[in-house]
C-alpha atoms as a PDB file:
ATOM      1  CA  UNK A   1       0.000   0.000   0.000  1.00  0.00           C
ATOM      2  CA  UNK A   2       1.231   3.481  -0.846  1.00  0.00           C
ATOM      3  CA  UNK A   3       2.131   5.199   2.450  1.00  0.00           C
ATOM      4  CA  UNK A   4      -0.187   8.138   1.670  1.00  0.00           C
ATOM      5  CA  UNK A   5      -3.149   6.056   0.510  1.00  0.00           C
ATOM      6  CA  UNK A   6      -5.102   5.490   3.714  1.00  0.00           C
ATOM      7  CA  UNK A   7      -7.857   8.072   4.046  1.00  0.00           C
ATOM      8  CA  UNK A   8      -6.303  10.241   1.335  1.00  0.00           C
ATOM      9  CA  UNK A   9      -9.455  10.779  -0.698  1.00  0.00           C
ATOM     10  CA  UNK A  10     -12.820  12.478  -0.523  1.00  0.00           C
ATOM     11  CA  UNK A  11     -15.576  10.698  -2.457  1.00  0.00           C
ATOM     12  CA  UNK A  12     -18.244  12.660  -4.321  1.00  0.00           C
ATOM     13  CA  UNK A  13     -21.123  10.289  -5.099  1.00  0.00           C
ATOM     14  CA  UNK A  14     -23.560  11.756  -7.609  1.00  0.00           C
ATOM     15  CA  UNK A  15     -27.193  10.746  -7.145  1.00  0.00           C
ATOM     16  CA  UNK A  16     -29.136  13.798  -8.306  1.00  0.00           C
ATOM     17  CA  UNK A  17     -30.257  12.583 -11.726  1.00  0.00           C
ATOM     18  CA  UNK A  18     -33.948  12.146 -12.534  1.00  0.00           C
ATOM     19  CA  UNK A  19     -33.512   8.602 -13.855  1.00  0.00           C
ATOM     20  CA  UNK A  20     -36.064   9.179 -16.640  1.00  0.00           C
ATOM     21  CA  UNK A  21     -34.729   6.296 -18.756  1.00  0.00           C
ATOM     22  CA  UNK A  22     -35.143   3.899 -15.851  1.00  0.00           C
ATOM     23  CA  UNK A  23     -38.913   4.034 -16.215  1.00  0.00           C
ATOM     24  CA  UNK A  24     -39.943   3.683 -12.569  1.00  0.00           C
ATOM     25  CA  UNK A  25     -41.396   6.215 -10.168  1.00  0.00           C
ATOM     26  CA  UNK A  26     -38.726   7.677  -7.906  1.00  0.00           C
ATOM     27  CA  UNK A  27     -35.862   6.826 -10.256  1.00  0.00           C
ATOM     28  CA  UNK A  28     -33.115   4.272  -9.883  1.00  0.00           C
ATOM     29  CA  UNK A  29     -31.100   5.367  -6.837  1.00  0.00           C
ATOM     30  CA  UNK A  30     -33.669   4.056  -4.350  1.00  0.00           C
ATOM     31  CA  UNK A  31     -34.920   1.162  -6.474  1.00  0.00           C
ATOM     32  CA  UNK A  32     -34.545  -2.164  -4.618  1.00  0.00           C
ATOM     33  CA  UNK A  33     -31.581  -4.295  -5.643  1.00  0.00           C
ATOM     34  CA  UNK A  34     -30.939  -7.504  -3.700  1.00  0.00           C
ATOM     35  CA  UNK A  35     -33.094  -6.212  -0.877  1.00  0.00           C
ATOM     36  CA  UNK A  36     -31.725  -2.687  -0.494  1.00  0.00           C
ATOM     37  CA  UNK A  37     -31.515   0.557  -2.503  1.00  0.00           C
ATOM     38  CA  UNK A  38     -29.180   0.732  -5.476  1.00  0.00           C
ATOM     39  CA  UNK A  39     -27.368   3.641  -3.824  1.00  0.00           C
ATOM     40  CA  UNK A  40     -26.705   1.575  -0.694  1.00  0.00           C
ATOM     41  CA  UNK A  41     -24.622  -0.921  -2.671  1.00  0.00           C
ATOM     42  CA  UNK A  42     -22.551   1.923  -4.093  1.00  0.00           C
ATOM     43  CA  UNK A  43     -21.968   3.543  -0.720  1.00  0.00           C
ATOM     44  CA  UNK A  44     -21.021   0.293   0.996  1.00  0.00           C
ATOM     45  CA  UNK A  45     -18.063  -0.060  -1.377  1.00  0.00           C
ATOM     46  CA  UNK A  46     -16.859   3.445  -0.552  1.00  0.00           C
ATOM     47  CA  UNK A  47     -17.332   2.806   3.147  1.00  0.00           C
ATOM     48  CA  UNK A  48     -15.091  -0.266   2.846  1.00  0.00           C
ATOM     49  CA  UNK A  49     -12.379   1.433   0.765  1.00  0.00           C
ATOM     50  CA  UNK A  50      -9.405   2.269   2.990  1.00  0.00           C
ATOM     51  CA  UNK A  51      -8.372   5.174   0.739  1.00  0.00           C
ATOM     52  CA  UNK A  52     -11.609   7.080   1.365  1.00  0.00           C
ATOM     53  CA  UNK A  53     -11.680   9.521   4.267  1.00  0.00           C
ATOM     54  CA  UNK A  54     -14.983  11.329   3.703  1.00  0.00           C
ATOM     55  CA  UNK A  55     -18.097  10.758   1.580  1.00  0.00           C
ATOM     56  CA  UNK A  56     -20.376  13.419   0.092  1.00  0.00           C
ATOM     57  CA  UNK A  57     -23.604  12.404  -1.639  1.00  0.00           C
ATOM     58  CA  UNK A  58     -25.276  14.897  -3.984  1.00  0.00           C
ATOM     59  CA  UNK A  59     -28.983  14.250  -4.534  1.00  0.00           C
ATOM     60  CA  UNK A  60     -32.189  16.085  -5.463  1.00  0.00           C
ATOM     61  CA  UNK A  61     -32.733  18.810  -2.853  1.00  0.00           C
ATOM     62  CA  UNK A  62     -36.194  17.470  -1.979  1.00  0.00           C
ATOM     63  CA  UNK A  63     -34.812  13.999  -1.227  1.00  0.00           C
ATOM     64  CA  UNK A  64     -31.943  14.807   1.126  1.00  0.00           C
ATOM     65  CA  UNK A  65     -33.706  13.463   4.213  1.00  0.00           C
ATOM     66  CA  UNK A  66     -34.948  10.356   2.410  1.00  0.00           C
ATOM     67  CA  UNK A  67     -31.530   9.483   1.014  1.00  0.00           C
ATOM     68  CA  UNK A  68     -29.825  10.214   4.331  1.00  0.00           C
ATOM     69  CA  UNK A  69     -32.132   7.987   6.370  1.00  0.00           C
ATOM     70  CA  UNK A  70     -32.809   5.163   3.925  1.00  0.00           C
ATOM     71  CA  UNK A  71     -29.558   4.788   1.976  1.00  0.00           C
ATOM     72  CA  UNK A  72     -26.616   6.655   3.471  1.00  0.00           C
ATOM     73  CA  UNK A  73     -26.926   6.103   7.234  1.00  0.00           C
ATOM     74  CA  UNK A  74     -27.503   2.309   6.967  1.00  0.00           C
ATOM     75  CA  UNK A  75     -24.594   1.846   4.530  1.00  0.00           C
ATOM     76  CA  UNK A  76     -21.855   4.241   5.665  1.00  0.00           C
ATOM     77  CA  UNK A  77     -20.844   3.113   9.141  1.00  0.00           C
ATOM     78  CA  UNK A  78     -17.083   3.646   9.263  1.00  0.00           C
ATOM     79  CA  UNK A  79     -16.684   7.014   7.493  1.00  0.00           C
ATOM     80  CA  UNK A  80     -17.910  10.539   7.996  1.00  0.00           C
ATOM     81  CA  UNK A  81     -20.496  11.613   5.432  1.00  0.00           C
ATOM     82  CA  UNK A  82     -22.644  14.480   4.230  1.00  0.00           C
ATOM     83  CA  UNK A  83     -25.633  14.745   1.882  1.00  0.00           C
ATOM     84  CA  UNK A  84     -25.970  17.930  -0.172  1.00  0.00           C
ATOM     85  CA  UNK A  85     -28.307  19.268  -2.831  1.00  0.00           C
ATOM     86  CA  UNK A  86     -27.267  18.477  -6.379  1.00  0.00           C
ATOM     87  CA  UNK A  87     -27.594  20.863  -9.302  1.00  0.00           C
ATOM     88  CA  UNK A  88     -29.303  20.996 -12.685  1.00  0.00           C
ATOM     89  CA  UNK A  89     -26.326  19.301 -14.347  1.00  0.00           C
ATOM     90  CA  UNK A  90     -23.675  16.799 -13.371  1.00  0.00           C
ATOM     91  CA  UNK A  91     -21.116  19.595 -13.339  1.00  0.00           C
ATOM     92  CA  UNK A  92     -23.215  21.646 -10.922  1.00  0.00           C
ATOM     93  CA  UNK A  93     -23.712  18.642  -8.646  1.00  0.00           C
ATOM     94  CA  UNK A  94     -19.964  18.046  -8.549  1.00  0.00           C
ATOM     95  CA  UNK A  95     -19.431  21.728  -7.748  1.00  0.00           C
ATOM     96  CA  UNK A  96     -21.945  21.628  -4.903  1.00  0.00           C
ATOM     97  CA  UNK A  97     -20.388  18.500  -3.429  1.00  0.00           C
ATOM     98  CA  UNK A  98     -16.899  19.922  -3.778  1.00  0.00           C
ATOM     99  CA  UNK A  99     -17.915  23.234  -2.184  1.00  0.00           C
ATOM    100  CA  UNK A 100     -19.312  21.336   0.821  1.00  0.00           C
ATOM    101  CA  UNK A 101     -15.856  19.944   1.590  1.00  0.00           C
ATOM    102  CA  UNK A 102     -13.922  23.213   1.417  1.00  0.00           C
ATOM    103  CA  UNK A 103     -12.642  24.344   4.764  1.00  0.00           C
ATOM    104  CA  UNK A 104     -13.610  21.115   6.537  1.00  0.00           C
ATOM    105  CA  UNK A 105     -11.659  18.408   4.665  1.00  0.00           C
ATOM    106  CA  UNK A 106      -8.003  18.189   3.604  1.00  0.00           C
ATOM    107  CA  UNK A 107      -7.910  14.998   1.504  1.00  0.00           C
ATOM    108  CA  UNK A 108      -5.583  15.411  -1.490  1.00  0.00           C
ATOM    109  CA  UNK A 109      -7.518  13.189  -3.930  1.00  0.00           C
ATOM    110  CA  UNK A 110     -11.110  13.580  -5.146  1.00  0.00           C
ATOM    111  CA  UNK A 111     -12.952  10.427  -6.243  1.00  0.00           C
ATOM    112  CA  UNK A 112     -16.091  11.085  -8.310  1.00  0.00           C
ATOM    113  CA  UNK A 113     -18.584   8.280  -8.829  1.00  0.00           C
ATOM    114  CA  UNK A 114     -22.070   7.728 -10.214  1.00  0.00           C
ATOM    115  CA  UNK A 115     -24.415   6.625  -7.457  1.00  0.00           C
ATOM    116  CA  UNK A 116     -26.145   4.253  -9.892  1.00  0.00           C
ATOM    117  CA  UNK A 117     -22.890   2.399 -10.656  1.00  0.00           C
ATOM    118  CA  UNK A 118     -23.687   0.042  -7.794  1.00  0.00           C
ATOM    119  CA  UNK A 119     -21.290  -2.819  -8.582  1.00  0.00           C
ATOM    120  CA  UNK A 120     -18.128  -0.832  -7.912  1.00  0.00           C
ATOM    121  CA  UNK A 121     -15.774  -2.495  -5.431  1.00  0.00           C
ATOM    122  CA  UNK A 122     -13.564  -1.181  -2.658  1.00  0.00           C
ATOM    123  CA  UNK A 123     -10.663  -2.981  -4.348  1.00  0.00           C
ATOM    124  CA  UNK A 124     -11.088  -0.970  -7.564  1.00  0.00           C
ATOM    125  CA  UNK A 125     -11.376   2.322  -5.668  1.00  0.00           C
ATOM    126  CA  UNK A 126      -8.255   1.645  -3.587  1.00  0.00           C
ATOM    127  CA  UNK A 127      -6.223   0.414  -6.576  1.00  0.00           C
ATOM    128  CA  UNK A 128      -6.991   3.575  -8.538  1.00  0.00           C
ATOM    129  CA  UNK A 129      -6.096   5.882  -5.659  1.00  0.00           C
ATOM    130  CA  UNK A 130      -2.840   4.035  -5.068  1.00  0.00           C
ATOM    131  CA  UNK A 131      -1.933   4.255  -8.746  1.00  0.00           C
ATOM    132  CA  UNK A 132      -2.565   7.996  -8.887  1.00  0.00           C
ATOM    133  CA  UNK A 133      -0.460   8.581  -5.788  1.00  0.00           C
ATOM    134  CA  UNK A 134       2.343   6.446  -7.236  1.00  0.00           C
ATOM    135  CA  UNK A 135       2.376   7.933 -10.752  1.00  0.00           C
ATOM    136  CA  UNK A 136       3.339  11.524 -10.089  1.00  0.00           C
ATOM    137  CA  UNK A 137       3.195  12.516 -13.769  1.00  0.00           C
ATOM    138  CA  UNK A 138      -0.579  11.920 -13.860  1.00  0.00           C
ATOM    139  CA  UNK A 139      -3.255  14.363 -12.779  1.00  0.00           C
ATOM    140  CA  UNK A 140      -6.074  11.853 -12.893  1.00  0.00           C
ATOM    141  CA  UNK A 141      -7.262   8.342 -13.721  1.00  0.00           C
ATOM    142  CA  UNK A 142     -10.556   7.186 -15.221  1.00  0.00           C
ATOM    143  CA  UNK A 143     -11.985   3.690 -14.847  1.00  0.00           C
ATOM    144  CA  UNK A 144     -13.070   2.022 -18.065  1.00  0.00           C
ATOM    145  CA  UNK A 145     -12.373  -0.707 -20.578  1.00  0.00           C
ATOM    146  CA  UNK A 146     -11.539  -0.921 -24.294  1.00  0.00           C
ATOM    147  CA  UNK A 147     -14.405  -0.883 -26.780  1.00  0.00           C
ATOM    148  CA  UNK A 148     -15.117  -4.469 -27.789  1.00  0.00           C
ATOM    149  CA  UNK A 149     -18.084  -4.032 -30.125  1.00  0.00           C
ATOM    150  CA  UNK A 150     -17.747  -2.707 -33.648  1.00  0.00           C
ATOM    151  CA  UNK A 151     -18.484   1.025 -33.627  1.00  0.00           C
ATOM    152  CA  UNK A 152     -20.633   2.648 -36.288  1.00  0.00           C
ATOM    153  CA  UNK A 153     -21.014   6.347 -37.025  1.00  0.00           C
ATOM    154  CA  UNK A 154     -24.663   7.146 -37.668  1.00  0.00           C
ATOM    155  CA  UNK A 155     -26.280  10.228 -39.189  1.00  0.00           C
ATOM    156  CA  UNK A 156     -29.985  10.734 -40.017  1.00  0.00           C
ATOM    157  CA  UNK A 157     -30.728   7.090 -39.162  1.00  0.00           C
ATOM    158  CA  UNK A 158     -28.097   5.795 -41.596  1.00  0.00           C
ATOM    159  CA  UNK A 159     -24.705   4.199 -40.976  1.00  0.00           C
ATOM    160  CA  UNK A 160     -22.087   6.354 -42.648  1.00  0.00           C
ATOM    161  CA  UNK A 161     -18.830   4.782 -41.464  1.00  0.00           C
ATOM    162  CA  UNK A 162     -17.168   2.129 -39.294  1.00  0.00           C
ATOM    163  CA  UNK A 163     -14.931   3.573 -36.598  1.00  0.00           C
ATOM    164  CA  UNK A 164     -11.588   2.051 -35.570  1.00  0.00           C
ATOM    165  CA  UNK A 165     -12.520   0.724 -32.134  1.00  0.00           C
ATOM    166  CA  UNK A 166      -8.856   0.204 -31.207  1.00  0.00           C
ATOM    167  CA  UNK A 167      -8.647   3.893 -30.309  1.00  0.00           C
ATOM    168  CA  UNK A 168     -11.717   3.971 -28.054  1.00  0.00           C
ATOM    169  CA  UNK A 169     -12.581   3.078 -24.480  1.00  0.00           C
ATOM    170  CA  UNK A 170     -15.879   2.960 -22.625  1.00  0.00           C
ATOM    171  CA  UNK A 171     -15.518   5.389 -19.718  1.00  0.00           C
ATOM    172  CA  UNK A 172     -16.856   4.443 -16.295  1.00  0.00           C
ATOM    173  CA  UNK A 173     -16.514   5.854 -12.820  1.00  0.00           C
ATOM    174  CA  UNK A 174     -14.726   6.234 -10.441  1.00  0.00           C
ATOM    175  CA  UNK A 175     -12.900   9.119 -12.025  1.00  0.00           C
ATOM    176  CA  UNK A 176     -10.196  10.293  -9.646  1.00  0.00           C
ATOM    177  CA  UNK A 177      -8.077  13.423  -9.688  1.00  0.00           C
ATOM    178  CA  UNK A 178      -5.555  15.361  -7.681  1.00  0.00           C
ATOM    179  CA  UNK A 179      -7.883  17.624  -5.783  1.00  0.00           C
ATOM    180  CA  UNK A 180      -6.115  20.962  -6.216  1.00  0.00           C
ATOM    181  CA  UNK A 181      -5.886  20.486  -9.984  1.00  0.00           C
ATOM    182  CA  UNK A 182      -9.475  19.349 -10.318  1.00  0.00           C
ATOM    183  CA  UNK A 183     -10.678  22.370  -8.338  1.00  0.00           C
ATOM    184  CA  UNK A 184      -8.702  24.608 -10.711  1.00  0.00           C
ATOM    185  CA  UNK A 185     -10.120  22.874 -13.801  1.00  0.00           C
ATOM    186  CA  UNK A 186     -13.664  22.957 -12.469  1.00  0.00           C
ATOM    187  CA  UNK A 187     -13.409  26.659 -11.630  1.00  0.00           C
ATOM    188  CA  UNK A 188     -12.110  27.397 -15.131  1.00  0.00           C
ATOM    189  CA  UNK A 189     -15.008  25.516 -16.733  1.00  0.00           C
ATOM    190  CA  UNK A 190     -17.519  27.351 -14.556  1.00  0.00           C
ATOM    191  CA  UNK A 191     -15.989  30.745 -15.305  1.00  0.00           C
ATOM    192  CA  UNK A 192     -16.020  29.990 -19.041  1.00  0.00           C
ATOM    193  CA  UNK A 193     -19.655  28.767 -18.793  1.00  0.00           C
ATOM    194  CA  UNK A 194     -18.628  25.471 -20.364  1.00  0.00           C
ATOM    195  CA  UNK A 195     -20.547  22.310 -19.537  1.00  0.00           C
ATOM    196  CA  UNK A 196     -19.040  18.854 -20.002  1.00  0.00           C
ATOM    197  CA  UNK A 197     -20.606  15.404 -19.873  1.00  0.00           C
ATOM    198  CA  UNK A 198     -18.058  13.928 -17.510  1.00  0.00           C
ATOM    199  CA  UNK A 199     -15.331  14.976 -15.123  1.00  0.00           C
ATOM    200  CA  UNK A 200     -12.367  13.847 -17.201  1.00  0.00           C
ATOM    201  CA  UNK A 201     -13.477  16.207 -19.951  1.00  0.00           C
ATOM    202  CA  UNK A 202     -13.254  19.076 -17.452  1.00  0.00           C
ATOM    203  CA  UNK A 203      -9.654  18.093 -16.685  1.00  0.00           C
ATOM    204  CA  UNK A 204      -8.628  17.581 -20.315  1.00  0.00           C
ATOM    205  CA  UNK A 205     -10.078  20.963 -21.287  1.00  0.00           C
ATOM    206  CA  UNK A 206      -7.746  22.527 -18.722  1.00  0.00           C
ATOM    207  CA  UNK A 207      -4.740  20.685 -20.163  1.00  0.00           C
ATOM    208  CA  UNK A 208      -4.243  18.124 -17.405  1.00  0.00           C
ATOM    209  CA  UNK A 209      -2.936  14.581 -17.955  1.00  0.00           C
ATOM    210  CA  UNK A 210      -5.453  11.807 -17.367  1.00  0.00           C
ATOM    211  CA  UNK A 211      -4.958   8.093 -18.025  1.00  0.00           C
ATOM    212  CA  UNK A 212      -7.437   5.214 -18.398  1.00  0.00           C
ATOM    213  CA  UNK A 213      -7.503   2.493 -15.747  1.00  0.00           C
ATOM    214  CA  UNK A 214      -8.735  -0.963 -16.723  1.00  0.00           C
ATOM    215  CA  UNK A 215     -11.871  -1.839 -14.763  1.00  0.00           C
ATOM    216  CA  UNK A 216     -14.182  -4.849 -15.055  1.00  0.00           C
ATOM    217  CA  UNK A 217     -17.105  -4.607 -17.458  1.00  0.00           C
ATOM    218  CA  UNK A 218     -19.382  -5.631 -14.607  1.00  0.00           C
ATOM    219  CA  UNK A 219     -18.824  -2.159 -13.115  1.00  0.00           C
ATOM    220  CA  UNK A 220     -21.955  -1.154 -14.996  1.00  0.00           C
ATOM    221  CA  UNK A 221     -24.194   1.861 -14.507  1.00  0.00           C
ATOM    222  CA  UNK A 222     -27.843   1.068 -13.896  1.00  0.00           C
ATOM    223  CA  UNK A 223     -29.620   3.173 -16.494  1.00  0.00           C
ATOM    224  CA  UNK A 224     -32.608   1.179 -17.756  1.00  0.00           C
ATOM    225  CA  UNK A 225     -34.746  -1.438 -16.005  1.00  0.00           C
ATOM    226  CA  UNK A 226     -33.035  -4.399 -17.696  1.00  0.00           C
ATOM    227  CA  UNK A 227     -29.736  -3.380 -16.082  1.00  0.00           C
ATOM    228  CA  UNK A 228     -31.248  -4.410 -12.742  1.00  0.00           C
ATOM    229  CA  UNK A 229     -31.509  -7.993 -13.959  1.00  0.00           C
ATOM    230  CA  UNK A 230     -27.812  -8.013 -14.877  1.00  0.00           C
ATOM    231  CA  UNK A 231     -26.805  -6.359 -11.601  1.00  0.00           C
ATOM    232  CA  UNK A 232     -28.864  -8.852  -9.603  1.00  0.00           C
ATOM    233  CA  UNK A 233     -27.154 -11.753 -11.391  1.00  0.00           C
ATOM    234  CA  UNK A 234     -23.688 -10.320 -10.772  1.00  0.00           C
ATOM    235  CA  UNK A 235     -24.381  -9.778  -7.075  1.00  0.00           C
ATOM    236  CA  UNK A 236     -25.672 -13.340  -6.823  1.00  0.00           C
ATOM    237  CA  UNK A 237     -22.511 -14.671  -8.439  1.00  0.00           C
ATOM    238  CA  UNK A 238     -20.336 -12.655  -6.063  1.00  0.00           C
ATOM    239  CA  UNK A 239     -22.087 -14.243  -3.095  1.00  0.00           C
ATOM    240  CA  UNK A 240     -21.349 -17.711  -4.470  1.00  0.00           C
ATOM    241  CA  UNK A 241     -17.635 -17.052  -4.919  1.00  0.00           C
END
């Protein structure tokens, strides 16, 4: 273990999305998975990760009490935590969560994760933090895996080309960054009124160096109802191991 790894990171878990594609009232974060909310599975992994010192959950402002009582408190038992109001966009939610830690936390690494990516493991989180601490030339690391399917470029409902998949990865979370540099990049994006779809894009726009980190494909994000079936099967297999 890297000597600086233990408790070196603050986790920002994003759970403010509406979950419209999930197709169930209340969205996906609190949907039952193996007997408990999806978000609880996510948070339990962060609670178990030795590299995490503090956990912030960003959710819809009207659901702070619900998430705190039903998902966060039962799952996070060994770490300090806070639930804050998310924003209209992912970038705003990250900013709100980050702002909540200023002046009260000193962790040098920020770990950003989708609350609906419930199959993340403590082992993956810790391995990524250790790698970032060890590789001083990097400013961040993004979990993901190479594209395995053939990629097609589509326009107006027609395939117009086949893309070389060897150059592409599927990005996941966690996405982890050196905190001071991420705060700088995020502030620059906000000042420029630029909105990005993920956190690595914020860093790359500011010129920082970010590398991919191979993660298992089973680290899926629950987006539509059928993903619950896959997640349930994976959790069942883990119990049998």
